Full PDB file with SEQRES, HELIX, SHEET, SSBOND, CRYST1, ORIGX, SCALE, CONECT and MASTER records, all heavy atoms in Angstrom:
SEQRES   1 A   34  LEU ALA ALA GLU ALA ALA VAL LEU THR ASP ARG VAL ARG          
SEQRES   2 A   34  LEU LEU ARG GLY GLN LEU ALA GLU VAL SER VAL ARG ILE          
SEQRES   3 A   34  GLU GLU THR ALA ARG ARG LEU ASN                              
HELIX    1 AA1 ALA A    2  LEU A   33  1                                  32    
CRYST1    1.000    1.000    1.000  90.00  90.00  90.00 P 1           1          
ORIGX1      1.000000  0.000000  0.000000        0.00000                         
ORIGX2      0.000000  1.000000  0.000000        0.00000                         
ORIGX3      0.000000  0.000000  1.000000        0.00000                         
SCALE1      1.000000  0.000000  0.000000        0.00000                         
SCALE2      0.000000  1.000000  0.000000        0.00000                         
SCALE3      0.000000  0.000000  1.000000        0.00000                         
ATOM      1  N   LEU A   1       0.822  -1.208   0.000  1.00  0.00           N  
ATOM      2  CA  LEU A   1       0.000   0.000   0.000  1.00  0.00           C  
ATOM      3  C   LEU A   1       0.859   1.262   0.000  1.00  0.00           C  
ATOM      4  O   LEU A   1       0.532   2.245  -0.665  1.00  0.00           O  
ATOM      5  CB  LEU A   1      -0.951  -0.006   1.189  1.00  0.00           C  
ATOM      6  CG  LEU A   1      -2.113  -0.999   1.094  1.00  0.00           C  
ATOM      7  CD1 LEU A   1      -2.916  -1.003   2.389  1.00  0.00           C  
ATOM      8  CD2 LEU A   1      -3.008  -0.681  -0.091  1.00  0.00           C  
ATOM      9  N   ALA A   2       1.952   1.235   0.734  1.00  0.00           N  
ATOM     10  CA  ALA A   2       2.855   2.388   0.762  1.00  0.00           C  
ATOM     11  C   ALA A   2       3.482   2.608  -0.615  1.00  0.00           C  
ATOM     12  O   ALA A   2       3.616   3.747  -1.076  1.00  0.00           O  
ATOM     13  CB  ALA A   2       3.937   2.197   1.819  1.00  0.00           C  
ATOM     14  N   ALA A   3       3.856   1.535  -1.284  1.00  0.00           N  
ATOM     15  CA  ALA A   3       4.427   1.650  -2.629  1.00  0.00           C  
ATOM     16  C   ALA A   3       3.392   2.200  -3.602  1.00  0.00           C  
ATOM     17  O   ALA A   3       3.695   3.066  -4.429  1.00  0.00           O  
ATOM     18  CB  ALA A   3       4.937   0.283  -3.099  1.00  0.00           C  
ATOM     19  N   GLU A   4       2.165   1.712  -3.505  1.00  0.00           N  
ATOM     20  CA  GLU A   4       1.102   2.215  -4.374  1.00  0.00           C  
ATOM     21  C   GLU A   4       0.822   3.690  -4.089  1.00  0.00           C  
ATOM     22  O   GLU A   4       0.627   4.482  -5.008  1.00  0.00           O  
ATOM     23  CB  GLU A   4      -0.170   1.391  -4.180  1.00  0.00           C  
ATOM     24  CG  GLU A   4      -1.269   1.763  -5.147  1.00  0.00           C  
ATOM     25  CD  GLU A   4      -2.463   0.837  -5.066  1.00  0.00           C  
ATOM     26  OE1 GLU A   4      -2.355  -0.258  -4.497  1.00  0.00           O  
ATOM     27  OE2 GLU A   4      -3.510   1.234  -5.588  1.00  0.00           O  
ATOM     28  N   ALA A   5       0.828   4.066  -2.820  1.00  0.00           N  
ATOM     29  CA  ALA A   5       0.615   5.470  -2.460  1.00  0.00           C  
ATOM     30  C   ALA A   5       1.736   6.343  -3.018  1.00  0.00           C  
ATOM     31  O   ALA A   5       1.479   7.457  -3.493  1.00  0.00           O  
ATOM     32  CB  ALA A   5       0.533   5.614  -0.943  1.00  0.00           C  
ATOM     33  N   ALA A   6       2.958   5.855  -2.998  1.00  0.00           N  
ATOM     34  CA  ALA A   6       4.081   6.619  -3.539  1.00  0.00           C  
ATOM     35  C   ALA A   6       3.927   6.813  -5.044  1.00  0.00           C  
ATOM     36  O   ALA A   6       4.173   7.902  -5.568  1.00  0.00           O  
ATOM     37  CB  ALA A   6       5.403   5.912  -3.223  1.00  0.00           C  
ATOM     38  N   VAL A   7       3.510   5.765  -5.744  1.00  0.00           N  
ATOM     39  CA  VAL A   7       3.300   5.867  -7.192  1.00  0.00           C  
ATOM     40  C   VAL A   7       2.192   6.870  -7.487  1.00  0.00           C  
ATOM     41  O   VAL A   7       2.328   7.733  -8.365  1.00  0.00           O  
ATOM     42  CB  VAL A   7       2.960   4.478  -7.793  1.00  0.00           C  
ATOM     43  CG1 VAL A   7       2.452   4.608  -9.222  1.00  0.00           C  
ATOM     44  CG2 VAL A   7       4.173   3.566  -7.734  1.00  0.00           C  
ATOM     45  N   LEU A   8       1.089   6.773  -6.746  1.00  0.00           N  
ATOM     46  CA  LEU A   8      -0.021   7.699  -6.965  1.00  0.00           C  
ATOM     47  C   LEU A   8       0.365   9.135  -6.633  1.00  0.00           C  
ATOM     48  O   LEU A   8      -0.029  10.071  -7.335  1.00  0.00           O  
ATOM     49  CB  LEU A   8      -1.239   7.262  -6.145  1.00  0.00           C  
ATOM     50  CG  LEU A   8      -1.885   5.958  -6.603  1.00  0.00           C  
ATOM     51  CD1 LEU A   8      -3.002   5.557  -5.641  1.00  0.00           C  
ATOM     52  CD2 LEU A   8      -2.408   6.060  -8.017  1.00  0.00           C  
ATOM     53  N   THR A   9       1.165   9.313  -5.597  1.00  0.00           N  
ATOM     54  CA  THR A   9       1.627  10.651  -5.232  1.00  0.00           C  
ATOM     55  C   THR A   9       2.478  11.235  -6.347  1.00  0.00           C  
ATOM     56  O   THR A   9       2.333  12.411  -6.703  1.00  0.00           O  
ATOM     57  CB  THR A   9       2.427  10.600  -3.910  1.00  0.00           C  
ATOM     58  OG1 THR A   9       1.554  10.115  -2.878  1.00  0.00           O  
ATOM     59  CG2 THR A   9       2.961  11.960  -3.525  1.00  0.00           C  
ATOM     60  N   ASP A  10       3.355  10.423  -6.931  1.00  0.00           N  
ATOM     61  CA  ASP A  10       4.176  10.897  -8.050  1.00  0.00           C  
ATOM     62  C   ASP A  10       3.317  11.248  -9.259  1.00  0.00           C  
ATOM     63  O   ASP A  10       3.570  12.248  -9.935  1.00  0.00           O  
ATOM     64  CB  ASP A  10       5.215   9.846  -8.436  1.00  0.00           C  
ATOM     65  CG  ASP A  10       6.358   9.760  -7.445  1.00  0.00           C  
ATOM     66  OD1 ASP A  10       6.537  10.707  -6.648  1.00  0.00           O  
ATOM     67  OD2 ASP A  10       7.076   8.733  -7.462  1.00  0.00           O  
ATOM     68  N   ARG A  11       2.293  10.435  -9.514  1.00  0.00           N  
ATOM     69  CA  ARG A  11       1.412  10.723 -10.653  1.00  0.00           C  
ATOM     70  C   ARG A  11       0.646  12.021 -10.424  1.00  0.00           C  
ATOM     71  O   ARG A  11       0.480  12.813 -11.348  1.00  0.00           O  
ATOM     72  CB  ARG A  11       0.449   9.557 -10.878  1.00  0.00           C  
ATOM     73  CG  ARG A  11       1.172   8.318 -11.396  1.00  0.00           C  
ATOM     74  CD  ARG A  11       0.262   7.147 -11.513  1.00  0.00           C  
ATOM     75  NE  ARG A  11      -0.514   7.235 -12.740  1.00  0.00           N  
ATOM     76  CZ  ARG A  11      -1.450   6.360 -13.076  1.00  0.00           C  
ATOM     77  NH1 ARG A  11      -1.741   5.356 -12.280  1.00  0.00           N  
ATOM     78  NH2 ARG A  11      -2.104   6.495 -14.203  1.00  0.00           N  
ATOM     79  N   VAL A  12       0.187  12.234  -9.211  1.00  0.00           N  
ATOM     80  CA  VAL A  12      -0.523  13.474  -8.895  1.00  0.00           C  
ATOM     81  C   VAL A  12       0.419  14.664  -9.059  1.00  0.00           C  
ATOM     82  O   VAL A  12       0.042  15.696  -9.619  1.00  0.00           O  
ATOM     83  CB  VAL A  12      -1.129  13.427  -7.476  1.00  0.00           C  
ATOM     84  CG1 VAL A  12      -1.595  14.799  -7.024  1.00  0.00           C  
ATOM     85  CG2 VAL A  12      -2.275  12.427  -7.424  1.00  0.00           C  
ATOM     86  N   ARG A  13       1.643  14.536  -8.598  1.00  0.00           N  
ATOM     87  CA  ARG A  13       2.629  15.607  -8.739  1.00  0.00           C  
ATOM     88  C   ARG A  13       2.868  15.922 -10.215  1.00  0.00           C  
ATOM     89  O   ARG A  13       2.905  17.081 -10.625  1.00  0.00           O  
ATOM     90  CB  ARG A  13       3.939  15.200  -8.055  1.00  0.00           C  
ATOM     91  CG  ARG A  13       4.974  16.307  -7.974  1.00  0.00           C  
ATOM     92  CD  ARG A  13       6.218  15.882  -7.200  1.00  0.00           C  
ATOM     93  NE  ARG A  13       5.888  15.550  -5.824  1.00  0.00           N  
ATOM     94  CZ  ARG A  13       6.069  14.353  -5.257  1.00  0.00           C  
ATOM     95  NH1 ARG A  13       6.610  13.369  -5.939  1.00  0.00           N  
ATOM     96  NH2 ARG A  13       5.740  14.145  -4.005  1.00  0.00           N  
ATOM     97  N   LEU A  14       2.998  14.875 -11.032  1.00  0.00           N  
ATOM     98  CA  LEU A  14       3.193  15.048 -12.467  1.00  0.00           C  
ATOM     99  C   LEU A  14       1.984  15.740 -13.095  1.00  0.00           C  
ATOM    100  O   LEU A  14       2.132  16.686 -13.881  1.00  0.00           O  
ATOM    101  CB  LEU A  14       3.430  13.699 -13.139  1.00  0.00           C  
ATOM    102  CG  LEU A  14       3.532  13.701 -14.664  1.00  0.00           C  
ATOM    103  CD1 LEU A  14       4.774  14.461 -15.113  1.00  0.00           C  
ATOM    104  CD2 LEU A  14       3.551  12.280 -15.189  1.00  0.00           C  
ATOM    105  N   LEU A  15       0.787  15.298 -12.744  1.00  0.00           N  
ATOM    106  CA  LEU A  15      -0.422  15.898 -13.295  1.00  0.00           C  
ATOM    107  C   LEU A  15      -0.578  17.349 -12.869  1.00  0.00           C  
ATOM    108  O   LEU A  15      -1.010  18.194 -13.663  1.00  0.00           O  
ATOM    109  CB  LEU A  15      -1.651  15.085 -12.885  1.00  0.00           C  
ATOM    110  CG  LEU A  15      -1.770  13.711 -13.553  1.00  0.00           C  
ATOM    111  CD1 LEU A  15      -2.906  12.916 -12.919  1.00  0.00           C  
ATOM    112  CD2 LEU A  15      -1.982  13.846 -15.048  1.00  0.00           C  
ATOM    113  N   ARG A  16      -0.223  17.660 -11.643  1.00  0.00           N  
ATOM    114  CA  ARG A  16      -0.278  19.058 -11.191  1.00  0.00           C  
ATOM    115  C   ARG A  16       0.683  19.926 -11.989  1.00  0.00           C  
ATOM    116  O   ARG A  16       0.369  21.055 -12.353  1.00  0.00           O  
ATOM    117  CB  ARG A  16       0.041  19.150  -9.699  1.00  0.00           C  
ATOM    118  CG  ARG A  16      -1.098  18.729  -8.817  1.00  0.00           C  
ATOM    119  CD  ARG A  16      -0.747  18.901  -7.355  1.00  0.00           C  
ATOM    120  NE  ARG A  16      -1.878  18.565  -6.523  1.00  0.00           N  
ATOM    121  CZ  ARG A  16      -1.797  18.326  -5.232  1.00  0.00           C  
ATOM    122  NH1 ARG A  16      -0.623  18.402  -4.610  1.00  0.00           N  
ATOM    123  NH2 ARG A  16      -2.874  18.030  -4.534  1.00  0.00           N  
ATOM    124  N   GLY A  17       1.871  19.396 -12.264  1.00  0.00           N  
ATOM    125  CA  GLY A  17       2.836  20.135 -13.083  1.00  0.00           C  
ATOM    126  C   GLY A  17       2.315  20.363 -14.489  1.00  0.00           C  
ATOM    127  O   GLY A  17       2.441  21.458 -15.040  1.00  0.00           O  
ATOM    128  N   GLN A  18       1.709  19.324 -15.071  1.00  0.00           N  
ATOM    129  CA  GLN A  18       1.147  19.468 -16.412  1.00  0.00           C  
ATOM    130  C   GLN A  18      -0.007  20.469 -16.403  1.00  0.00           C  
ATOM    131  O   GLN A  18      -0.142  21.277 -17.331  1.00  0.00           O  
ATOM    132  CB  GLN A  18       0.670  18.119 -16.927  1.00  0.00           C  
ATOM    133  CG  GLN A  18       1.807  17.168 -17.246  1.00  0.00           C  
ATOM    134  CD  GLN A  18       1.315  15.786 -17.623  1.00  0.00           C  
ATOM    135  OE1 GLN A  18       0.188  15.391 -17.316  1.00  0.00           O  
ATOM    136  NE2 GLN A  18       2.170  15.025 -18.286  1.00  0.00           N  
ATOM    137  N   LEU A  19      -0.835  20.420 -15.376  1.00  0.00           N  
ATOM    138  CA  LEU A  19      -1.947  21.358 -15.271  1.00  0.00           C  
ATOM    139  C   LEU A  19      -1.437  22.791 -15.147  1.00  0.00           C  
ATOM    140  O   LEU A  19      -1.985  23.703 -15.773  1.00  0.00           O  
ATOM    141  CB  LEU A  19      -2.827  21.009 -14.066  1.00  0.00           C  
ATOM    142  CG  LEU A  19      -4.043  21.891 -13.820  1.00  0.00           C  
ATOM    143  CD1 LEU A  19      -4.974  21.887 -15.023  1.00  0.00           C  
ATOM    144  CD2 LEU A  19      -4.770  21.445 -12.575  1.00  0.00           C  
ATOM    145  N   ALA A  20      -0.379  22.987 -14.399  1.00  0.00           N  
ATOM    146  CA  ALA A  20       0.202  24.325 -14.265  1.00  0.00           C  
ATOM    147  C   ALA A  20       0.721  24.817 -15.612  1.00  0.00           C  
ATOM    148  O   ALA A  20       0.528  25.979 -15.972  1.00  0.00           O  
ATOM    149  CB  ALA A  20       1.319  24.317 -13.226  1.00  0.00           C  
ATOM    150  N   GLU A  21       1.363  23.934 -16.377  1.00  0.00           N  
ATOM    151  CA  GLU A  21       1.862  24.302 -17.701  1.00  0.00           C  
ATOM    152  C   GLU A  21       0.713  24.668 -18.636  1.00  0.00           C  
ATOM    153  O   GLU A  21       0.791  25.650 -19.378  1.00  0.00           O  
ATOM    154  CB  GLU A  21       2.675  23.155 -18.305  1.00  0.00           C  
ATOM    155  CG  GLU A  21       4.007  22.914 -17.615  1.00  0.00           C  
ATOM    156  CD  GLU A  21       4.718  21.683 -18.152  1.00  0.00           C  
ATOM    157  OE1 GLU A  21       4.296  21.137 -19.208  1.00  0.00           O  
ATOM    158  OE2 GLU A  21       5.690  21.258 -17.519  1.00  0.00           O  
ATOM    159  N   VAL A  22      -0.351  23.890 -18.606  1.00  0.00           N  
ATOM    160  CA  VAL A  22      -1.511  24.175 -19.451  1.00  0.00           C  
ATOM    161  C   VAL A  22      -2.147  25.497 -19.045  1.00  0.00           C  
ATOM    162  O   VAL A  22      -2.528  26.303 -19.897  1.00  0.00           O  
ATOM    163  CB  VAL A  22      -2.541  23.018 -19.374  1.00  0.00           C  
ATOM    164  CG1 VAL A  22      -3.866  23.406 -20.014  1.00  0.00           C  
ATOM    165  CG2 VAL A  22      -1.978  21.774 -20.045  1.00  0.00           C  
ATOM    166  N   SER A  23      -2.228  25.750 -17.757  1.00  0.00           N  
ATOM    167  CA  SER A  23      -2.808  26.998 -17.266  1.00  0.00           C  
ATOM    168  C   SER A  23      -2.004  28.193 -17.765  1.00  0.00           C  
ATOM    169  O   SER A  23      -2.580  29.195 -18.207  1.00  0.00           O  
ATOM    170  CB  SER A  23      -2.853  26.985 -15.742  1.00  0.00           C  
ATOM    171  OG  SER A  23      -3.398  28.174 -15.249  1.00  0.00           O  
ATOM    172  N   VAL A  24      -0.690  28.092 -17.716  1.00  0.00           N  
ATOM    173  CA  VAL A  24       0.167  29.174 -18.207  1.00  0.00           C  
ATOM    174  C   VAL A  24      -0.056  29.375 -19.701  1.00  0.00           C  
ATOM    175  O   VAL A  24      -0.164  30.512 -20.178  1.00  0.00           O  
ATOM    176  CB  VAL A  24       1.651  28.877 -17.904  1.00  0.00           C  
ATOM    177  CG1 VAL A  24       2.576  29.819 -18.661  1.00  0.00           C  
ATOM    178  CG2 VAL A  24       1.903  28.969 -16.411  1.00  0.00           C  
ATOM    179  N   ARG A  25      -0.160  28.288 -20.444  1.00  0.00           N  
ATOM    180  CA  ARG A  25      -0.380  28.396 -21.889  1.00  0.00           C  
ATOM    181  C   ARG A  25      -1.737  29.021 -22.197  1.00  0.00           C  
ATOM    182  O   ARG A  25      -1.868  29.822 -23.128  1.00  0.00           O  
ATOM    183  CB  ARG A  25      -0.253  27.023 -22.546  1.00  0.00           C  
ATOM    184  CG  ARG A  25       1.191  26.517 -22.537  1.00  0.00           C  
ATOM    185  CD  ARG A  25       1.322  25.125 -23.062  1.00  0.00           C  
ATOM    186  NE  ARG A  25       0.936  25.073 -24.461  1.00  0.00           N  
ATOM    187  CZ  ARG A  25       0.785  23.935 -25.139  1.00  0.00           C  
ATOM    188  NH1 ARG A  25       0.994  22.782 -24.541  1.00  0.00           N  
ATOM    189  NH2 ARG A  25       0.434  23.952 -26.396  1.00  0.00           N  
ATOM    190  N   ILE A  26      -2.748  28.671 -21.432  1.00  0.00           N  
ATOM    191  CA  ILE A  26      -4.075  29.255 -21.626  1.00  0.00           C  
ATOM    192  C   ILE A  26      -4.031  30.753 -21.346  1.00  0.00           C  
ATOM    193  O   ILE A  26      -4.575  31.560 -22.112  1.00  0.00           O  
ATOM    194  CB  ILE A  26      -5.123  28.556 -20.741  1.00  0.00           C  
ATOM    195  CG1 ILE A  26      -5.406  27.151 -21.269  1.00  0.00           C  
ATOM    196  CG2 ILE A  26      -6.413  29.372 -20.664  1.00  0.00           C  
ATOM    197  CD1 ILE A  26      -6.242  26.300 -20.349  1.00  0.00           C  
ATOM    198  N   GLU A  27      -3.390  31.135 -20.254  1.00  0.00           N  
ATOM    199  CA  GLU A  27      -3.282  32.556 -19.918  1.00  0.00           C  
ATOM    200  C   GLU A  27      -2.520  33.321 -20.997  1.00  0.00           C  
ATOM    201  O   GLU A  27      -2.911  34.430 -21.382  1.00  0.00           O  
ATOM    202  CB  GLU A  27      -2.614  32.732 -18.560  1.00  0.00           C  
ATOM    203  CG  GLU A  27      -3.476  32.290 -17.399  1.00  0.00           C  
ATOM    204  CD  GLU A  27      -2.756  32.331 -16.057  1.00  0.00           C  
ATOM    205  OE1 GLU A  27      -1.631  32.870 -16.003  1.00  0.00           O  
ATOM    206  OE2 GLU A  27      -3.318  31.819 -15.086  1.00  0.00           O  
ATOM    207  N   GLU A  28      -1.447  32.730 -21.497  1.00  0.00           N  
ATOM    208  CA  GLU A  28      -0.659  33.370 -22.554  1.00  0.00           C  
ATOM    209  C   GLU A  28      -1.488  33.514 -23.832  1.00  0.00           C  
ATOM    210  O   GLU A  28      -1.467  34.555 -24.491  1.00  0.00           O  
ATOM    211  CB  GLU A  28       0.615  32.560 -22.831  1.00  0.00           C  
ATOM    212  CG  GLU A  28       1.473  33.089 -23.951  1.00  0.00           C  
ATOM    213  CD  GLU A  28       2.111  34.435 -23.653  1.00  0.00           C  
ATOM    214  OE1 GLU A  28       2.172  34.838 -22.470  1.00  0.00           O  
ATOM    215  OE2 GLU A  28       2.544  35.090 -24.604  1.00  0.00           O  
ATOM    216  N   THR A  29      -2.220  32.472 -24.189  1.00  0.00           N  
ATOM    217  CA  THR A  29      -3.067  32.534 -25.378  1.00  0.00           C  
ATOM    218  C   THR A  29      -4.149  33.589 -25.213  1.00  0.00           C  
ATOM    219  O   THR A  29      -4.416  34.359 -26.145  1.00  0.00           O  
ATOM    220  CB  THR A  29      -3.697  31.150 -25.653  1.00  0.00           C  
ATOM    221  OG1 THR A  29      -2.652  30.194 -25.844  1.00  0.00           O  
ATOM    222  CG2 THR A  29      -4.588  31.183 -26.880  1.00  0.00           C  
ATOM    223  N   ALA A  30      -4.768  33.645 -24.053  1.00  0.00           N  
ATOM    224  CA  ALA A  30      -5.800  34.655 -23.802  1.00  0.00           C  
ATOM    225  C   ALA A  30      -5.217  36.064 -23.912  1.00  0.00           C  
ATOM    226  O   ALA A  30      -5.831  36.957 -24.490  1.00  0.00           O  
ATOM    227  CB  ALA A  30      -6.424  34.437 -22.425  1.00  0.00           C  
ATOM    228  N   ARG A  31      -4.020  36.245 -23.367  1.00  0.00           N  
ATOM    229  CA  ARG A  31      -3.367  37.552 -23.446  1.00  0.00           C  
ATOM    230  C   ARG A  31      -3.114  37.928 -24.898  1.00  0.00           C  
ATOM    231  O   ARG A  31      -3.389  39.050 -25.320  1.00  0.00           O  
ATOM    232  CB  ARG A  31      -2.052  37.541 -22.665  1.00  0.00           C  
ATOM    233  CG  ARG A  31      -1.357  38.914 -22.612  1.00  0.00           C  
ATOM    234  CD  ARG A  31       0.037  38.843 -22.022  1.00  0.00           C  
ATOM    235  NE  ARG A  31       0.941  37.983 -22.778  1.00  0.00           N  
ATOM    236  CZ  ARG A  31       1.516  38.302 -23.944  1.00  0.00           C  
ATOM    237  NH1 ARG A  31       1.262  39.454 -24.506  1.00  0.00           N  
ATOM    238  NH2 ARG A  31       2.335  37.471 -24.545  1.00  0.00           N  
ATOM    239  N   ARG A  32      -2.620  36.974 -25.679  1.00  0.00           N  
ATOM    240  CA  ARG A  32      -2.332  37.253 -27.084  1.00  0.00           C  
ATOM    241  C   ARG A  32      -3.609  37.519 -27.875  1.00  0.00           C  
ATOM    242  O   ARG A  32      -3.629  38.378 -28.756  1.00  0.00           O  
ATOM    243  CB  ARG A  32      -1.560  36.095 -27.690  1.00  0.00           C  
ATOM    244  CG  ARG A  32      -0.148  36.007 -27.111  1.00  0.00           C  
ATOM    245  CD  ARG A  32       0.454  34.665 -27.326  1.00  0.00           C  
ATOM    246  NE  ARG A  32       1.276  34.616 -28.513  1.00  0.00           N  
ATOM    247  CZ  ARG A  32       1.778  33.492 -28.998  1.00  0.00           C  
ATOM    248  NH1 ARG A  32       1.509  32.348 -28.422  1.00  0.00           N  
ATOM    249  NH2 ARG A  32       2.539  33.503 -30.063  1.00  0.00           N  
ATOM    250  N   LEU A  33      -4.666  36.811 -27.562  1.00  0.00           N  
ATOM    251  CA  LEU A  33      -5.941  37.041 -28.253  1.00  0.00           C  
ATOM    252  C   LEU A  33      -6.474  38.429 -27.942  1.00  0.00           C  
ATOM    253  O   LEU A  33      -7.056  39.087 -28.812  1.00  0.00           O  
ATOM    254  CB  LEU A  33      -6.966  35.976 -27.858  1.00  0.00           C  
ATOM    255  CG  LEU A  33      -6.771  34.594 -28.472  1.00  0.00           C  
ATOM    256  CD1 LEU A  33      -7.756  33.601 -27.862  1.00  0.00           C  
ATOM    257  CD2 LEU A  33      -6.927  34.644 -29.979  1.00  0.00           C  
ATOM    258  N   ASN A  34      -6.293  38.871 -26.719  1.00  0.00           N  
ATOM    259  CA  ASN A  34      -6.758  40.206 -26.342  1.00  0.00           C  
ATOM    260  C   ASN A  34      -5.967  41.298 -27.056  1.00  0.00           C  
ATOM    261  O   ASN A  34      -6.455  42.421 -27.201  1.00  0.00           O  
ATOM    262  CB  ASN A  34      -6.671  40.411 -24.838  1.00  0.00           C  
ATOM    263  CG  ASN A  34      -7.746  39.663 -24.098  1.00  0.00           C  
ATOM    264  OD1 ASN A  34      -8.819  39.414 -24.626  1.00  0.00           O  
ATOM    265  ND2 ASN A  34      -7.458  39.295 -22.861  1.00  0.00           N  
TER     266      ASN A  34                                                      
MASTER        0    0    0    1    0    0    0    6  265    1    0    3          
END                                                                             
């Protein structure tokens, strides 16, 4: 269970990083569209 929790924690960390990157890209695109 601890190993599975570690894997899931890493996946969540990765997804949060990807979400942050997408958010920055969306904000940049919105700025450029404006």
